[in-house]
Amino acid sequence: MSKKMIGKRRREQLVGWLQSSTTPITGAELANRSNVSRQVIVQDISLLKAQNYPIIATSNGYLFLQQDPSPASYRRVIACKHTPAQTREELYTIVDHGASIEDVIIEHPIYGDLKASLLLDNRMDVDLFVRKIEEEQAPYLLELTDGVHNHTIIANEEQQLDKVFEALKQKGFIVE
């Protein structure tokens, strides 16, 4: 059995692991590597975020944001509305047009804007996200707002964003 990592040393190691990874690392994996509980990792990540480390929690795990990953990309926030059952179709429509889905944002009546990082680039990412929602029996954020939500979408060309918007509009997913 490996030795349990302690406090500051463990957090330094977490930063190192996250910085050297190009893909998200789950809390369970970080806990296993550190020989501590997942809850300890959650607390460590909160402390690191409070120290301004650019760590985000995604549906696939924790990710260290590298500086200026894609300066040439175009971003657009789009307002959507649909049922939970239509989520996969909506997300497929976006990635099938060559765009990435950075996040989902809802406006909660008490908390204000609630934002969740998604970082979905292709159908495989979408399938994994939807499968995790189903396995955990977790509600989609849109369920808190009668289906209304925003996505930040990213593409290499502005025309791709226009095509995504038009495709979503044709399917009736755009809030008008």
C-alpha atoms as a PDB file:
ATOM      1  CA  MET A   1       0.000   0.000   0.000  1.00  0.00           C
ATOM      2  CA  SER A   2       1.394   3.397  -0.990  1.00  0.00           C
ATOM      3  CA  LYS A   3       1.894   6.113   1.575  1.00  0.00           C
ATOM      4  CA  LYS A   4      -0.790   8.776   2.053  1.00  0.00           C
ATOM      5  CA  MET A   5       0.227  12.197   0.733  1.00  0.00           C
ATOM      6  CA  ILE A   6      -0.100  15.074   3.175  1.00  0.00           C
ATOM      7  CA  GLY A   7      -1.489  18.620   2.705  1.00  0.00           C
ATOM      8  CA  LYS A   8       0.666  21.069   0.785  1.00  0.00           C
ATOM      9  CA  ARG A   9       2.767  18.334  -0.824  1.00  0.00           C
ATOM     10  CA  ARG A  10      -0.370  16.578  -2.079  1.00  0.00           C
ATOM     11  CA  ARG A  11      -1.779  19.802  -3.537  1.00  0.00           C
ATOM     12  CA  GLU A  12       1.540  20.514  -5.298  1.00  0.00           C
ATOM     13  CA  GLN A  13       1.411  17.012  -6.773  1.00  0.00           C
ATOM     14  CA  LEU A  14      -2.224  17.520  -7.870  1.00  0.00           C
ATOM     15  CA  VAL A  15      -1.212  20.689  -9.737  1.00  0.00           C
ATOM     16  CA  GLY A  16       1.640  18.798 -11.397  1.00  0.00           C
ATOM     17  CA  TRP A  17      -0.585  15.932 -12.515  1.00  0.00           C
ATOM     18  CA  LEU A  18      -3.244  18.281 -13.853  1.00  0.00           C
ATOM     19  CA  GLN A  19      -0.743  20.534 -15.633  1.00  0.00           C
ATOM     20  CA  SER A  20       0.887  17.588 -17.375  1.00  0.00           C
ATOM     21  CA  SER A  21      -2.391  16.083 -18.565  1.00  0.00           C
ATOM     22  CA  THR A  22      -4.089  17.117 -21.798  1.00  0.00           C
ATOM     23  CA  THR A  23      -7.317  15.401 -20.733  1.00  0.00           C
ATOM     24  CA  PRO A  24      -9.421  15.727 -17.573  1.00  0.00           C
ATOM     25  CA  ILE A  25      -8.529  13.525 -14.591  1.00  0.00           C
ATOM     26  CA  THR A  26     -11.341  12.256 -12.388  1.00  0.00           C
ATOM     27  CA  GLY A  27     -11.440  12.956  -8.665  1.00  0.00           C
ATOM     28  CA  ALA A  28     -11.418   9.204  -8.071  1.00  0.00           C
ATOM     29  CA  GLU A  29      -8.191   8.831 -10.071  1.00  0.00           C
ATOM     30  CA  LEU A  30      -6.527  11.711  -8.198  1.00  0.00           C
ATOM     31  CA  ALA A  31      -7.682  10.204  -4.889  1.00  0.00           C
ATOM     32  CA  ASN A  32      -6.252   6.825  -5.893  1.00  0.00           C
ATOM     33  CA  ARG A  33      -2.902   8.347  -6.892  1.00  0.00           C
ATOM     34  CA  SER A  34      -2.737  10.305  -3.607  1.00  0.00           C
ATOM     35  CA  ASN A  35      -4.071   7.487  -1.430  1.00  0.00           C
ATOM     36  CA  VAL A  36      -6.758   9.737   0.075  1.00  0.00           C
ATOM     37  CA  SER A  37     -10.532   9.935  -0.267  1.00  0.00           C
ATOM     38  CA  ARG A  38     -12.285  11.673  -3.152  1.00  0.00           C
ATOM     39  CA  GLN A  39     -13.684  14.186  -0.630  1.00  0.00           C
ATOM     40  CA  VAL A  40     -10.125  15.197   0.311  1.00  0.00           C
ATOM     41  CA  ILE A  41      -9.437  15.819  -3.390  1.00  0.00           C
ATOM     42  CA  VAL A  42     -12.598  17.958  -3.688  1.00  0.00           C
ATOM     43  CA  GLN A  43     -11.380  20.058  -0.733  1.00  0.00           C
ATOM     44  CA  ASP A  44      -7.862  20.297  -2.191  1.00  0.00           C
ATOM     45  CA  ILE A  45      -9.215  21.446  -5.551  1.00  0.00           C
ATOM     46  CA  SER A  46     -11.308  24.107  -3.780  1.00  0.00           C
ATOM     47  CA  LEU A  47      -8.193  25.340  -1.968  1.00  0.00           C
ATOM     48  CA  LEU A  48      -6.210  25.428  -5.213  1.00  0.00           C
ATOM     49  CA  LYS A  49      -8.971  27.362  -6.969  1.00  0.00           C
ATOM     50  CA  ALA A  50      -8.996  29.834  -4.060  1.00  0.00           C
ATOM     51  CA  GLN A  51      -5.252  30.288  -4.718  1.00  0.00           C
ATOM     52  CA  ASN A  52      -6.156  31.204  -8.330  1.00  0.00           C
ATOM     53  CA  TYR A  53      -4.978  28.021 -10.001  1.00  0.00           C
ATOM     54  CA  PRO A  54      -6.952  27.760 -13.290  1.00  0.00           C
ATOM     55  CA  ILE A  55      -8.568  24.398 -12.528  1.00  0.00           C
ATOM     56  CA  ILE A  56     -12.070  23.605 -13.708  1.00  0.00           C
ATOM     57  CA  ALA A  57     -14.338  20.693 -12.962  1.00  0.00           C
ATOM     58  CA  THR A  58     -15.828  19.147 -16.098  1.00  0.00           C
ATOM     59  CA  SER A  59     -18.174  16.233 -16.561  1.00  0.00           C
ATOM     60  CA  ASN A  60     -15.058  14.138 -17.307  1.00  0.00           C
ATOM     61  CA  GLY A  61     -12.927  15.262 -14.368  1.00  0.00           C
ATOM     62  CA  TYR A  62     -10.611  18.103 -13.401  1.00  0.00           C
ATOM     63  CA  LEU A  63      -8.695  20.060 -15.998  1.00  0.00           C
ATOM     64  CA  PHE A  64      -5.907  22.608 -15.668  1.00  0.00           C
ATOM     65  CA  LEU A  65      -6.579  25.404 -18.139  1.00  0.00           C
ATOM     66  CA  GLN A  66      -3.517  26.229 -20.164  1.00  0.00           C
ATOM     67  CA  GLN A  67      -3.009  29.888 -20.975  1.00  0.00           C
ATOM     68  CA  ASP A  68      -4.582  31.096 -24.212  1.00  0.00           C
ATOM     69  CA  PRO A  69      -5.300  27.635 -25.679  1.00  0.00           C
ATOM     70  CA  SER A  70      -6.929  28.835 -28.893  1.00  0.00           C
ATOM     71  CA  PRO A  71      -6.579  32.557 -29.608  1.00  0.00           C
ATOM     72  CA  ALA A  72      -7.829  32.250 -33.202  1.00  0.00           C
ATOM     73  CA  SER A  73     -11.151  30.653 -32.253  1.00  0.00           C
ATOM     74  CA  TYR A  74     -14.547  32.337 -32.379  1.00  0.00           C
ATOM     75  CA  ARG A  75     -17.036  32.184 -29.491  1.00  0.00           C
ATOM     76  CA  ARG A  76     -20.746  32.735 -29.304  1.00  0.00           C
ATOM     77  CA  VAL A  77     -23.319  32.312 -26.573  1.00  0.00           C
ATOM     78  CA  ILE A  78     -26.590  30.891 -27.874  1.00  0.00           C
ATOM     79  CA  ALA A  79     -29.910  30.668 -26.035  1.00  0.00           C
ATOM     80  CA  CYS A  80     -31.603  27.292 -26.385  1.00  0.00           C
ATOM     81  CA  LYS A  81     -34.737  25.557 -25.165  1.00  0.00           C
ATOM     82  CA  HIS A  82     -35.688  21.890 -25.375  1.00  0.00           C
ATOM     83  CA  THR A  83     -36.611  18.893 -23.271  1.00  0.00           C
ATOM     84  CA  PRO A  84     -34.054  16.722 -21.477  1.00  0.00           C
ATOM     85  CA  ALA A  85     -34.759  13.933 -23.980  1.00  0.00           C
ATOM     86  CA  GLN A  86     -33.600  16.224 -26.814  1.00  0.00           C
ATOM     87  CA  THR A  87     -30.220  17.017 -25.225  1.00  0.00           C
ATOM     88  CA  ARG A  88     -28.197  14.499 -27.231  1.00  0.00           C
ATOM     89  CA  GLU A  89     -29.730  15.750 -30.508  1.00  0.00           C
ATOM     90  CA  GLU A  90     -28.919  19.361 -29.590  1.00  0.00           C
ATOM     91  CA  LEU A  91     -25.326  18.569 -28.654  1.00  0.00           C
ATOM     92  CA  TYR A  92     -24.810  16.360 -31.729  1.00  0.00           C
ATOM     93  CA  THR A  93     -26.064  19.209 -33.918  1.00  0.00           C
ATOM     94  CA  ILE A  94     -23.413  21.522 -32.514  1.00  0.00           C
ATOM     95  CA  VAL A  95     -20.443  19.146 -32.756  1.00  0.00           C
ATOM     96  CA  ASP A  96     -21.533  17.804 -36.159  1.00  0.00           C
ATOM     97  CA  HIS A  97     -21.068  21.332 -37.520  1.00  0.00           C
ATOM     98  CA  GLY A  98     -17.467  21.419 -36.284  1.00  0.00           C
ATOM     99  CA  ALA A  99     -18.035  23.520 -33.168  1.00  0.00           C
ATOM    100  CA  SER A 100     -17.168  22.701 -29.566  1.00  0.00           C
ATOM    101  CA  ILE A 101     -19.435  23.203 -26.568  1.00  0.00           C
ATOM    102  CA  GLU A 102     -17.578  25.011 -23.824  1.00  0.00           C
ATOM    103  CA  ASP A 103     -20.306  25.179 -21.212  1.00  0.00           C
ATOM    104  CA  VAL A 104     -23.967  25.332 -20.280  1.00  0.00           C
ATOM    105  CA  ILE A 105     -25.368  28.287 -18.338  1.00  0.00           C
ATOM    106  CA  ILE A 106     -28.751  28.757 -16.727  1.00  0.00           C
ATOM    107  CA  GLU A 107     -30.216  31.727 -14.901  1.00  0.00           C
ATOM    108  CA  HIS A 108     -31.421  30.468 -11.535  1.00  0.00           C
ATOM    109  CA  PRO A 109     -34.008  32.666  -9.737  1.00  0.00           C
ATOM    110  CA  ILE A 110     -32.035  32.590  -6.474  1.00  0.00           C
ATOM    111  CA  TYR A 111     -28.387  31.916  -7.370  1.00  0.00           C
ATOM    112  CA  GLY A 112     -28.222  33.902 -10.603  1.00  0.00           C
ATOM    113  CA  ASP A 113     -26.090  32.438 -13.378  1.00  0.00           C
ATOM    114  CA  LEU A 114     -25.071  28.813 -12.857  1.00  0.00           C
ATOM    115  CA  LYS A 115     -22.384  27.621 -15.261  1.00  0.00           C
ATOM    116  CA  ALA A 116     -21.042  24.134 -15.855  1.00  0.00           C
ATOM    117  CA  SER A 117     -18.013  23.400 -18.037  1.00  0.00           C
ATOM    118  CA  LEU A 118     -18.752  20.756 -20.663  1.00  0.00           C
ATOM    119  CA  LEU A 119     -15.835  20.851 -23.137  1.00  0.00           C
ATOM    120  CA  LEU A 120     -17.525  18.600 -25.695  1.00  0.00           C
ATOM    121  CA  ASP A 121     -15.810  18.367 -29.085  1.00  0.00           C
ATOM    122  CA  ASN A 122     -17.366  15.345 -30.806  1.00  0.00           C
ATOM    123  CA  ARG A 123     -20.098  12.702 -30.647  1.00  0.00           C
ATOM    124  CA  MET A 124     -18.024  10.455 -28.410  1.00  0.00           C
ATOM    125  CA  ASP A 125     -17.727  13.272 -25.847  1.00  0.00           C
ATOM    126  CA  VAL A 126     -21.476  13.885 -26.094  1.00  0.00           C
ATOM    127  CA  ASP A 127     -22.267  10.190 -25.606  1.00  0.00           C
ATOM    128  CA  LEU A 128     -20.011  10.001 -22.560  1.00  0.00           C
ATOM    129  CA  PHE A 129     -21.628  13.108 -21.044  1.00  0.00           C
ATOM    130  CA  VAL A 130     -25.181  11.832 -21.612  1.00  0.00           C
ATOM    131  CA  ARG A 131     -24.271   8.375 -20.309  1.00  0.00           C
ATOM    132  CA  LYS A 132     -22.855   9.875 -17.098  1.00  0.00           C
ATOM    133  CA  ILE A 133     -26.034  11.920 -16.580  1.00  0.00           C
ATOM    134  CA  GLU A 134     -28.118   8.769 -17.046  1.00  0.00           C
ATOM    135  CA  GLU A 135     -25.923   6.557 -14.848  1.00  0.00           C
ATOM    136  CA  GLU A 136     -25.929   9.077 -12.009  1.00  0.00           C
ATOM    137  CA  GLN A 137     -29.626   9.845 -12.569  1.00  0.00           C
ATOM    138  CA  ALA A 138     -28.591  13.483 -12.347  1.00  0.00           C
ATOM    139  CA  PRO A 139     -30.871  16.183 -13.715  1.00  0.00           C
ATOM    140  CA  TYR A 140     -29.746  18.409 -16.558  1.00  0.00           C
ATOM    141  CA  LEU A 141     -29.401  22.064 -15.552  1.00  0.00           C
ATOM    142  CA  LEU A 142     -32.104  22.931 -18.107  1.00  0.00           C
ATOM    143  CA  GLU A 143     -34.590  21.072 -15.918  1.00  0.00           C
ATOM    144  CA  LEU A 144     -34.321  23.934 -13.406  1.00  0.00           C
ATOM    145  CA  THR A 145     -35.414  26.496 -16.003  1.00  0.00           C
ATOM    146  CA  ASP A 146     -38.138  24.747 -17.998  1.00  0.00           C
ATOM    147  CA  GLY A 147     -35.643  23.866 -20.729  1.00  0.00           C
ATOM    148  CA  VAL A 148     -34.118  27.320 -21.229  1.00  0.00           C
ATOM    149  CA  HIS A 149     -30.319  27.464 -21.153  1.00  0.00           C
ATOM    150  CA  ASN A 150     -27.302  29.005 -22.875  1.00  0.00           C
ATOM    151  CA  HIS A 151     -24.262  27.360 -24.418  1.00  0.00           C
ATOM    152  CA  THR A 152     -20.941  28.966 -25.185  1.00  0.00           C
ATOM    153  CA  ILE A 153     -19.851  27.434 -28.466  1.00  0.00           C
ATOM    154  CA  ILE A 154     -16.432  27.709 -30.094  1.00  0.00           C
ATOM    155  CA  ALA A 155     -15.328  27.221 -33.683  1.00  0.00           C
ATOM    156  CA  ASN A 156     -12.354  28.013 -35.901  1.00  0.00           C
ATOM    157  CA  GLU A 157     -14.467  30.140 -38.244  1.00  0.00           C
ATOM    158  CA  GLU A 158     -17.398  32.428 -37.596  1.00  0.00           C
ATOM    159  CA  GLN A 159     -19.336  30.769 -40.437  1.00  0.00           C
ATOM    160  CA  GLN A 160     -19.351  27.519 -38.453  1.00  0.00           C
ATOM    161  CA  LEU A 161     -21.090  29.333 -35.597  1.00  0.00           C
ATOM    162  CA  ASP A 162     -23.662  30.701 -38.056  1.00  0.00           C
ATOM    163  CA  LYS A 163     -24.294  27.187 -39.408  1.00  0.00           C
ATOM    164  CA  VAL A 164     -24.707  25.790 -35.878  1.00  0.00           C
ATOM    165  CA  PHE A 165     -27.204  28.529 -35.043  1.00  0.00           C
ATOM    166  CA  GLU A 166     -29.217  27.905 -38.223  1.00  0.00           C
ATOM    167  CA  ALA A 167     -29.256  24.129 -37.706  1.00  0.00           C
ATOM    168  CA  LEU A 168     -30.447  24.538 -34.105  1.00  0.00           C
ATOM    169  CA  LYS A 169     -33.050  27.052 -35.244  1.00  0.00           C
ATOM    170  CA  GLN A 170     -34.404  24.620 -37.857  1.00  0.00           C
ATOM    171  CA  LYS A 171     -34.793  22.000 -35.137  1.00  0.00           C
ATOM    172  CA  GLY A 172     -36.688  24.470 -32.948  1.00  0.00           C
ATOM    173  CA  PHE A 173     -33.989  24.617 -30.242  1.00  0.00           C
ATOM    174  CA  ILE A 174     -33.248  28.361 -30.412  1.00  0.00           C
ATOM    175  CA  VAL A 175     -35.015  30.768 -28.059  1.00  0.00           C
ATOM    176  CA  GLU A 176     -36.487  33.583 -30.139  1.00  0.00           C
END
